[in-house]
Amino acid sequence: FGGLTAGLAQSFYDYIPFGFYLASLAGDQ
Protein backbone atom coordinates (compact mmCIF):
# COMPACT_ATOMS: atom_id res chain seq x y z
CA PHE A 1 0.00 0.00 0.00
CA GLY A 2 1.82 3.04 -1.23
CA GLY A 3 5.45 2.43 -0.33
CA LEU A 4 4.63 -0.11 2.40
CA THR A 5 5.24 -3.87 1.95
CA ALA A 6 4.24 -6.30 4.71
CA GLY A 7 4.20 -10.10 4.71
CA LEU A 8 6.30 -12.96 3.36
CA ALA A 9 8.32 -11.56 0.46
CA GLN A 10 11.73 -11.49 -1.20
CA SER A 11 14.32 -9.93 1.07
CA PHE A 12 15.01 -6.32 0.17
CA TYR A 13 18.72 -7.16 0.45
CA ASP A 14 18.64 -9.46 -2.59
CA TYR A 15 19.61 -8.56 -6.14
CA ILE A 16 18.88 -11.18 -8.81
CA PRO A 17 18.90 -10.01 -12.45
CA PHE A 18 18.47 -13.63 -13.66
CA GLY A 19 19.11 -17.04 -12.16
CA PHE A 20 20.29 -20.54 -12.93
CA TYR A 21 18.85 -24.01 -12.47
CA LEU A 22 21.54 -24.83 -9.91
CA ALA A 23 20.56 -21.80 -7.85
CA SER A 24 20.67 -18.06 -8.07
CA LEU A 25 24.34 -17.22 -7.77
CA ALA A 26 23.62 -14.56 -5.14
CA GLY A 27 21.43 -13.96 -2.10
CA ASP A 28 17.97 -15.45 -2.62
CA GLN A 29 15.85 -15.42 0.54
PDB file of all heavy atoms in Angstrom:
ATOM      1  N   PHE A   1       0.861  -1.178   0.000  1.00  0.00           N
ATOM      2  CA  PHE A   1       0.000   0.000   0.000  1.00  0.00           C
ATOM      3  C   PHE A   1       0.896   1.226   0.000  1.00  0.00           C
ATOM      4  O   PHE A   1       1.631   1.467   0.962  1.00  0.00           O
ATOM      5  CB  PHE A   1      -0.908   0.001   1.225  1.00  0.00           C
ATOM      6  CG  PHE A   1      -1.759   1.234   1.344  1.00  0.00           C
ATOM      7  CD1 PHE A   1      -2.622   1.593   0.321  1.00  0.00           C
ATOM      8  CD2 PHE A   1      -1.687   2.043   2.469  1.00  0.00           C
ATOM      9  CE1 PHE A   1      -3.420   2.725   0.422  1.00  0.00           C
ATOM     10  CE2 PHE A   1      -2.469   3.176   2.585  1.00  0.00           C
ATOM     11  CZ  PHE A   1      -3.331   3.518   1.564  1.00  0.00           C
ATOM     12  N   GLY A   2       0.871   1.954  -1.097  1.00  0.00           N
ATOM     13  CA  GLY A   2       1.818   3.044  -1.231  1.00  0.00           C
ATOM     14  C   GLY A   2       3.223   2.474  -1.265  1.00  0.00           C
ATOM     15  O   GLY A   2       3.538   1.562  -2.027  1.00  0.00           O
ATOM     16  N   GLY A   3       4.085   2.947  -0.397  1.00  0.00           N
ATOM     17  CA  GLY A   3       5.448   2.426  -0.332  1.00  0.00           C
ATOM     18  C   GLY A   3       5.625   1.322   0.684  1.00  0.00           C
ATOM     19  O   GLY A   3       6.739   0.827   0.875  1.00  0.00           O
ATOM     20  N   LEU A   4       4.545   0.898   1.341  1.00  0.00           N
ATOM     21  CA  LEU A   4       4.629  -0.110   2.396  1.00  0.00           C
ATOM     22  C   LEU A   4       4.480  -1.516   1.830  1.00  0.00           C
ATOM     23  O   LEU A   4       3.605  -1.785   1.007  1.00  0.00           O
ATOM     24  CB  LEU A   4       3.537   0.143   3.435  1.00  0.00           C
ATOM     25  CG  LEU A   4       3.480  -0.830   4.620  1.00  0.00           C
ATOM     26  CD1 LEU A   4       4.715  -0.649   5.505  1.00  0.00           C
ATOM     27  CD2 LEU A   4       2.201  -0.617   5.422  1.00  0.00           C
ATOM     28  N   THR A   5       5.347  -2.443   2.259  1.00  0.00           N
ATOM     29  CA  THR A   5       5.242  -3.870   1.951  1.00  0.00           C
ATOM     30  C   THR A   5       5.277  -4.636   3.263  1.00  0.00           C
ATOM     31  O   THR A   5       6.178  -4.419   4.085  1.00  0.00           O
ATOM     32  CB  THR A   5       6.400  -4.349   1.064  1.00  0.00           C
ATOM     33  OG1 THR A   5       6.403  -3.614  -0.168  1.00  0.00           O
ATOM     34  CG2 THR A   5       6.268  -5.835   0.751  1.00  0.00           C
ATOM     35  N   ALA A   6       4.313  -5.544   3.468  1.00  0.00           N
ATOM     36  CA  ALA A   6       4.243  -6.304   4.710  1.00  0.00           C
ATOM     37  C   ALA A   6       3.801  -7.730   4.407  1.00  0.00           C
ATOM     38  O   ALA A   6       2.806  -7.938   3.707  1.00  0.00           O
ATOM     39  CB  ALA A   6       3.278  -5.654   5.697  1.00  0.00           C
ATOM     40  N   GLY A   7       4.556  -8.702   4.920  1.00  0.00           N
ATOM     41  CA  GLY A   7       4.201 -10.101   4.709  1.00  0.00           C
ATOM     42  C   GLY A   7       5.426 -10.947   4.436  1.00  0.00           C
ATOM     43  O   GLY A   7       6.557 -10.613   4.840  1.00  0.00           O
ATOM     44  N   LEU A   8       5.219 -12.058   3.751  1.00  0.00           N
ATOM     45  CA  LEU A   8       6.297 -12.964   3.359  1.00  0.00           C
ATOM     46  C   LEU A   8       6.702 -12.615   1.932  1.00  0.00           C
ATOM     47  O   LEU A   8       5.935 -12.833   0.981  1.00  0.00           O
ATOM     48  CB  LEU A   8       5.819 -14.419   3.451  1.00  0.00           C
ATOM     49  CG  LEU A   8       6.813 -15.508   3.022  1.00  0.00           C
ATOM     50  CD1 LEU A   8       8.056 -15.489   3.908  1.00  0.00           C
ATOM     51  CD2 LEU A   8       6.145 -16.879   3.077  1.00  0.00           C
ATOM     52  N   ALA A   9       7.901 -12.083   1.761  1.00  0.00           N
ATOM     53  CA  ALA A   9       8.318 -11.562   0.458  1.00  0.00           C
ATOM     54  C   ALA A   9       9.824 -11.721   0.294  1.00  0.00           C
ATOM     55  O   ALA A   9      10.540 -12.071   1.236  1.00  0.00           O
ATOM     56  CB  ALA A   9       7.927 -10.088   0.319  1.00  0.00           C
ATOM     57  N   GLN A  10      10.298 -11.459  -0.924  1.00  0.00           N
ATOM     58  CA  GLN A  10      11.733 -11.494  -1.200  1.00  0.00           C
ATOM     59  C   GLN A  10      12.439 -10.460  -0.342  1.00  0.00           C
ATOM     60  O   GLN A  10      11.993  -9.313  -0.205  1.00  0.00           O
ATOM     61  CB  GLN A  10      11.983 -11.189  -2.672  1.00  0.00           C
ATOM     62  CG  GLN A  10      13.412 -11.359  -3.126  1.00  0.00           C
ATOM     63  CD  GLN A  10      13.761 -12.809  -3.440  1.00  0.00           C
ATOM     64  OE1 GLN A  10      12.933 -13.525  -3.976  1.00  0.00           O
ATOM     65  NE2 GLN A  10      14.968 -13.223  -3.105  1.00  0.00           N
ATOM     66  N   SER A  11      13.553 -10.863   0.261  1.00  0.00           N
ATOM     67  CA  SER A  11      14.323  -9.932   1.072  1.00  0.00           C
ATOM     68  C   SER A  11      14.719  -8.713   0.254  1.00  0.00           C
ATOM     69  O   SER A  11      15.118  -8.824  -0.912  1.00  0.00           O
ATOM     70  CB  SER A  11      15.577 -10.623   1.607  1.00  0.00           C
ATOM     71  OG  SER A  11      16.439  -9.684   2.232  1.00  0.00           O
ATOM     72  N   PHE A  12      14.640  -7.542   0.854  1.00  0.00           N
ATOM     73  CA  PHE A  12      15.011  -6.320   0.169  1.00  0.00           C
ATOM     74  C   PHE A  12      16.532  -6.217   0.000  1.00  0.00           C
ATOM     75  O   PHE A  12      17.015  -5.330  -0.710  1.00  0.00           O
ATOM     76  CB  PHE A  12      14.459  -5.112   0.916  1.00  0.00           C
ATOM     77  CG  PHE A  12      13.018  -4.828   0.603  1.00  0.00           C
ATOM     78  CD1 PHE A  12      12.017  -5.657   1.075  1.00  0.00           C
ATOM     79  CD2 PHE A  12      12.663  -3.753  -0.188  1.00  0.00           C
ATOM     80  CE1 PHE A  12      10.681  -5.419   0.778  1.00  0.00           C
ATOM     81  CE2 PHE A  12      11.328  -3.498  -0.503  1.00  0.00           C
ATOM     82  CZ  PHE A  12      10.342  -4.339  -0.019  1.00  0.00           C
ATOM     83  N   TYR A  13      17.273  -7.105   0.609  1.00  0.00           N
ATOM     84  CA  TYR A  13      18.721  -7.155   0.446  1.00  0.00           C
ATOM     85  C   TYR A  13      19.117  -7.763  -0.898  1.00  0.00           C
ATOM     86  O   TYR A  13      20.160  -7.424  -1.462  1.00  0.00           O
ATOM     87  CB  TYR A  13      19.316  -7.996   1.580  1.00  0.00           C
ATOM     88  CG  TYR A  13      20.815  -8.142   1.568  1.00  0.00           C
ATOM     89  CD1 TYR A  13      21.631  -7.226   2.227  1.00  0.00           C
ATOM     90  CD2 TYR A  13      21.427  -9.219   0.926  1.00  0.00           C
ATOM     91  CE1 TYR A  13      23.009  -7.374   2.237  1.00  0.00           C
ATOM     92  CE2 TYR A  13      22.802  -9.369   0.929  1.00  0.00           C
ATOM     93  CZ  TYR A  13      23.594  -8.442   1.579  1.00  0.00           C
ATOM     94  OH  TYR A  13      24.960  -8.588   1.582  1.00  0.00           O
ATOM     95  N   ASP A  14      18.281  -8.646  -1.438  1.00  0.00           N
ATOM     96  CA  ASP A  14      18.644  -9.462  -2.589  1.00  0.00           C
ATOM     97  C   ASP A  14      18.658  -8.667  -3.892  1.00  0.00           C
ATOM     98  O   ASP A  14      17.902  -7.705  -4.063  1.00  0.00           O
ATOM     99  CB  ASP A  14      17.682 -10.639  -2.736  1.00  0.00           C
ATOM    100  CG  ASP A  14      17.767 -11.589  -1.545  1.00  0.00           C
ATOM    101  OD1 ASP A  14      18.775 -11.547  -0.827  1.00  0.00           O
ATOM    102  OD2 ASP A  14      16.816 -12.360  -1.331  1.00  0.00           O
ATOM    103  N   TYR A  15      19.513  -9.138  -4.800  1.00  0.00           N
ATOM    104  CA  TYR A  15      19.614  -8.559  -6.144  1.00  0.00           C
ATOM    105  C   TYR A  15      19.834  -9.709  -7.107  1.00  0.00           C
ATOM    106  O   TYR A  15      20.888 -10.362  -7.096  1.00  0.00           O
ATOM    107  CB  TYR A  15      20.783  -7.567  -6.198  1.00  0.00           C
ATOM    108  CG  TYR A  15      21.008  -6.942  -7.556  1.00  0.00           C
ATOM    109  CD1 TYR A  15      20.135  -5.972  -8.044  1.00  0.00           C
ATOM    110  CD2 TYR A  15      22.100  -7.301  -8.342  1.00  0.00           C
ATOM    111  CE1 TYR A  15      20.340  -5.382  -9.275  1.00  0.00           C
ATOM    112  CE2 TYR A  15      22.320  -6.716  -9.577  1.00  0.00           C
ATOM    113  CZ  TYR A  15      21.435  -5.754 -10.045  1.00  0.00           C
ATOM    114  OH  TYR A  15      21.641  -5.180 -11.273  1.00  0.00           O
ATOM    115  N   ILE A  16      18.829 -10.012  -7.934  1.00  0.00           N
ATOM    116  CA  ILE A  16      18.880 -11.181  -8.814  1.00  0.00           C
ATOM    117  C   ILE A  16      18.412 -10.786 -10.215  1.00  0.00           C
ATOM    118  O   ILE A  16      17.220 -10.862 -10.529  1.00  0.00           O
ATOM    119  CB  ILE A  16      17.990 -12.318  -8.279  1.00  0.00           C
ATOM    120  CG1 ILE A  16      18.275 -12.572  -6.794  1.00  0.00           C
ATOM    121  CG2 ILE A  16      18.208 -13.598  -9.077  1.00  0.00           C
ATOM    122  CD1 ILE A  16      17.337 -13.549  -6.153  1.00  0.00           C
ATOM    123  N   PRO A  17      19.306 -10.340 -11.085  1.00  0.00           N
ATOM    124  CA  PRO A  17      18.895 -10.010 -12.454  1.00  0.00           C
ATOM    125  C   PRO A  17      18.327 -11.215 -13.202  1.00  0.00           C
ATOM    126  O   PRO A  17      17.339 -11.114 -13.905  1.00  0.00           O
ATOM    127  CB  PRO A  17      20.187  -9.499 -13.090  1.00  0.00           C
ATOM    128  CG  PRO A  17      21.019  -9.034 -11.943  1.00  0.00           C
ATOM    129  CD  PRO A  17      20.699  -9.987 -10.836  1.00  0.00           C
ATOM    130  N   PHE A  18      18.989 -12.372 -13.117  1.00  0.00           N
ATOM    131  CA  PHE A  18      18.469 -13.631 -13.655  1.00  0.00           C
ATOM    132  C   PHE A  18      19.187 -14.763 -12.940  1.00  0.00           C
ATOM    133  O   PHE A  18      20.278 -14.583 -12.376  1.00  0.00           O
ATOM    134  CB  PHE A  18      18.636 -13.741 -15.178  1.00  0.00           C
ATOM    135  CG  PHE A  18      20.038 -13.597 -15.678  1.00  0.00           C
ATOM    136  CD1 PHE A  18      20.902 -14.689 -15.717  1.00  0.00           C
ATOM    137  CD2 PHE A  18      20.513 -12.372 -16.121  1.00  0.00           C
ATOM    138  CE1 PHE A  18      22.197 -14.560 -16.188  1.00  0.00           C
ATOM    139  CE2 PHE A  18      21.818 -12.229 -16.595  1.00  0.00           C
ATOM    140  CZ  PHE A  18      22.665 -13.326 -16.627  1.00  0.00           C
ATOM    141  N   GLY A  19      18.565 -15.944 -12.934  1.00  0.00           N
ATOM    142  CA  GLY A  19      19.105 -17.037 -12.161  1.00  0.00           C
ATOM    143  C   GLY A  19      19.523 -18.223 -13.006  1.00  0.00           C
ATOM    144  O   GLY A  19      19.527 -18.170 -14.243  1.00  0.00           O
ATOM    145  N   PHE A  20      19.861 -19.295 -12.312  1.00  0.00           N
ATOM    146  CA  PHE A  20      20.291 -20.538 -12.934  1.00  0.00           C
ATOM    147  C   PHE A  20      19.500 -21.696 -12.338  1.00  0.00           C
ATOM    148  O   PHE A  20      18.866 -21.567 -11.295  1.00  0.00           O
ATOM    149  CB  PHE A  20      21.790 -20.752 -12.721  1.00  0.00           C
ATOM    150  CG  PHE A  20      22.644 -19.790 -13.491  1.00  0.00           C
ATOM    151  CD1 PHE A  20      22.859 -18.507 -13.022  1.00  0.00           C
ATOM    152  CD2 PHE A  20      23.218 -20.168 -14.694  1.00  0.00           C
ATOM    153  CE1 PHE A  20      23.635 -17.609 -13.734  1.00  0.00           C
ATOM    154  CE2 PHE A  20      23.999 -19.278 -15.411  1.00  0.00           C
ATOM    155  CZ  PHE A  20      24.207 -17.992 -14.939  1.00  0.00           C
ATOM    156  N   TYR A  21      19.533 -22.839 -12.998  1.00  0.00           N
ATOM    157  CA  TYR A  21      18.852 -24.010 -12.470  1.00  0.00           C
ATOM    158  C   TYR A  21      19.486 -24.455 -11.160  1.00  0.00           C
ATOM    159  O   TYR A  21      18.802 -24.866 -10.228  1.00  0.00           O
ATOM    160  CB  TYR A  21      18.917 -25.175 -13.464  1.00  0.00           C
ATOM    161  CG  TYR A  21      18.176 -24.951 -14.759  1.00  0.00           C
ATOM    162  CD1 TYR A  21      18.201 -25.906 -15.760  1.00  0.00           C
ATOM    163  CD2 TYR A  21      17.444 -23.789 -14.990  1.00  0.00           C
ATOM    164  CE1 TYR A  21      17.534 -25.729 -16.958  1.00  0.00           C
ATOM    165  CE2 TYR A  21      16.778 -23.590 -16.175  1.00  0.00           C
ATOM    166  CZ  TYR A  21      16.823 -24.563 -17.162  1.00  0.00           C
ATOM    167  OH  TYR A  21      16.160 -24.379 -18.345  1.00  0.00           O
ATOM    168  N   LEU A  22      20.820 -24.415 -11.107  1.00  0.00           N
ATOM    169  CA  LEU A  22      21.543 -24.832  -9.912  1.00  0.00           C
ATOM    170  C   LEU A  22      21.084 -24.008  -8.717  1.00  0.00           C
ATOM    171  O   LEU A  22      20.788 -24.542  -7.664  1.00  0.00           O
ATOM    172  CB  LEU A  22      23.043 -24.674 -10.120  1.00  0.00           C
ATOM    173  CG  LEU A  22      23.939 -24.978  -8.922  1.00  0.00           C
ATOM    174  CD1 LEU A  22      23.836 -26.435  -8.541  1.00  0.00           C
ATOM    175  CD2 LEU A  22      25.387 -24.599  -9.223  1.00  0.00           C
ATOM    176  N   ALA A  23      21.026 -22.751  -8.863  1.00  0.00           N
ATOM    177  CA  ALA A  23      20.556 -21.802  -7.847  1.00  0.00           C
ATOM    178  C   ALA A  23      20.868 -20.416  -8.356  1.00  0.00           C
ATOM    179  O   ALA A  23      21.665 -20.247  -9.274  1.00  0.00           O
ATOM    180  CB  ALA A  23      21.233 -22.033  -6.497  1.00  0.00           C
ATOM    181  N   SER A  24      20.263 -19.421  -7.766  1.00  0.00           N
ATOM    182  CA  SER A  24      20.666 -18.062  -8.070  1.00  0.00           C
ATOM    183  C   SER A  24      22.041 -17.858  -7.463  1.00  0.00           C
ATOM    184  O   SER A  24      22.266 -18.164  -6.293  1.00  0.00           O
ATOM    185  CB  SER A  24      19.675 -17.060  -7.472  1.00  0.00           C
ATOM    186  OG  SER A  24      18.416 -17.201  -8.079  1.00  0.00           O
ATOM    187  N   LEU A  25      22.971 -17.372  -8.259  1.00  0.00           N
ATOM    188  CA  LEU A  25      24.336 -17.221  -7.770  1.00  0.00           C
ATOM    189  C   LEU A  25      24.473 -15.920  -6.993  1.00  0.00           C
ATOM    190  O   LEU A  25      25.284 -15.055  -7.280  1.00  0.00           O
ATOM    191  CB  LEU A  25      25.315 -17.262  -8.950  1.00  0.00           C
ATOM    192  CG  LEU A  25      25.244 -18.531  -9.801  1.00  0.00           C
ATOM    193  CD1 LEU A  25      26.289 -18.491 -10.893  1.00  0.00           C
ATOM    194  CD2 LEU A  25      25.426 -19.771  -8.943  1.00  0.00           C
ATOM    195  N   ALA A  26      23.634 -15.759  -5.981  1.00  0.00           N
ATOM    196  CA  ALA A  26      23.623 -14.565  -5.145  1.00  0.00           C
ATOM    197  C   ALA A  26      22.643 -14.817  -4.015  1.00  0.00           C
ATOM    198  O   ALA A  26      22.079 -15.902  -3.893  1.00  0.00           O
ATOM    199  CB  ALA A  26      23.207 -13.331  -5.957  1.00  0.00           C
ATOM    200  N   GLY A  27      22.410 -13.813  -3.166  1.00  0.00           N
ATOM    201  CA  GLY A  27      21.431 -13.961  -2.100  1.00  0.00           C
ATOM    202  C   GLY A  27      20.037 -14.171  -2.669  1.00  0.00           C
ATOM    203  O   GLY A  27      19.624 -13.470  -3.595  1.00  0.00           O
ATOM    204  N   ASP A  28      19.316 -15.152  -2.137  1.00  0.00           N
ATOM    205  CA  ASP A  28      17.970 -15.448  -2.618  1.00  0.00           C
ATOM    206  C   ASP A  28      17.170 -15.968  -1.430  1.00  0.00           C
ATOM    207  O   ASP A  28      17.186 -17.146  -1.126  1.00  0.00           O
ATOM    208  CB  ASP A  28      18.022 -16.488  -3.733  1.00  0.00           C
ATOM    209  CG  ASP A  28      16.652 -16.728  -4.363  1.00  0.00           C
ATOM    210  OD1 ASP A  28      15.701 -16.011  -4.001  1.00  0.00           O
ATOM    211  OD2 ASP A  28      16.546 -17.631  -5.203  1.00  0.00           O
ATOM    212  N   GLN A  29      16.478 -15.060  -0.724  1.00  0.00           N
ATOM    213  CA  GLN A  29      15.852 -15.419   0.539  1.00  0.00           C
ATOM    214  C   GLN A  29      14.491 -14.743   0.670  1.00  0.00           C
ATOM    215  O   GLN A  29      14.384 -13.530   0.562  1.00  0.00           O
ATOM    216  CB  GLN A  29      16.737 -14.966   1.701  1.00  0.00           C
ATOM    217  CG  GLN A  29      16.173 -15.243   3.076  1.00  0.00           C
ATOM    218  CD  GLN A  29      16.225 -16.717   3.424  1.00  0.00           C
ATOM    219  OE1 GLN A  29      17.282 -17.312   3.462  1.00  0.00           O
ATOM    220  NE2 GLN A  29      15.061 -17.303   3.669  1.00  0.00           N
TER     221      GLN A  29
END
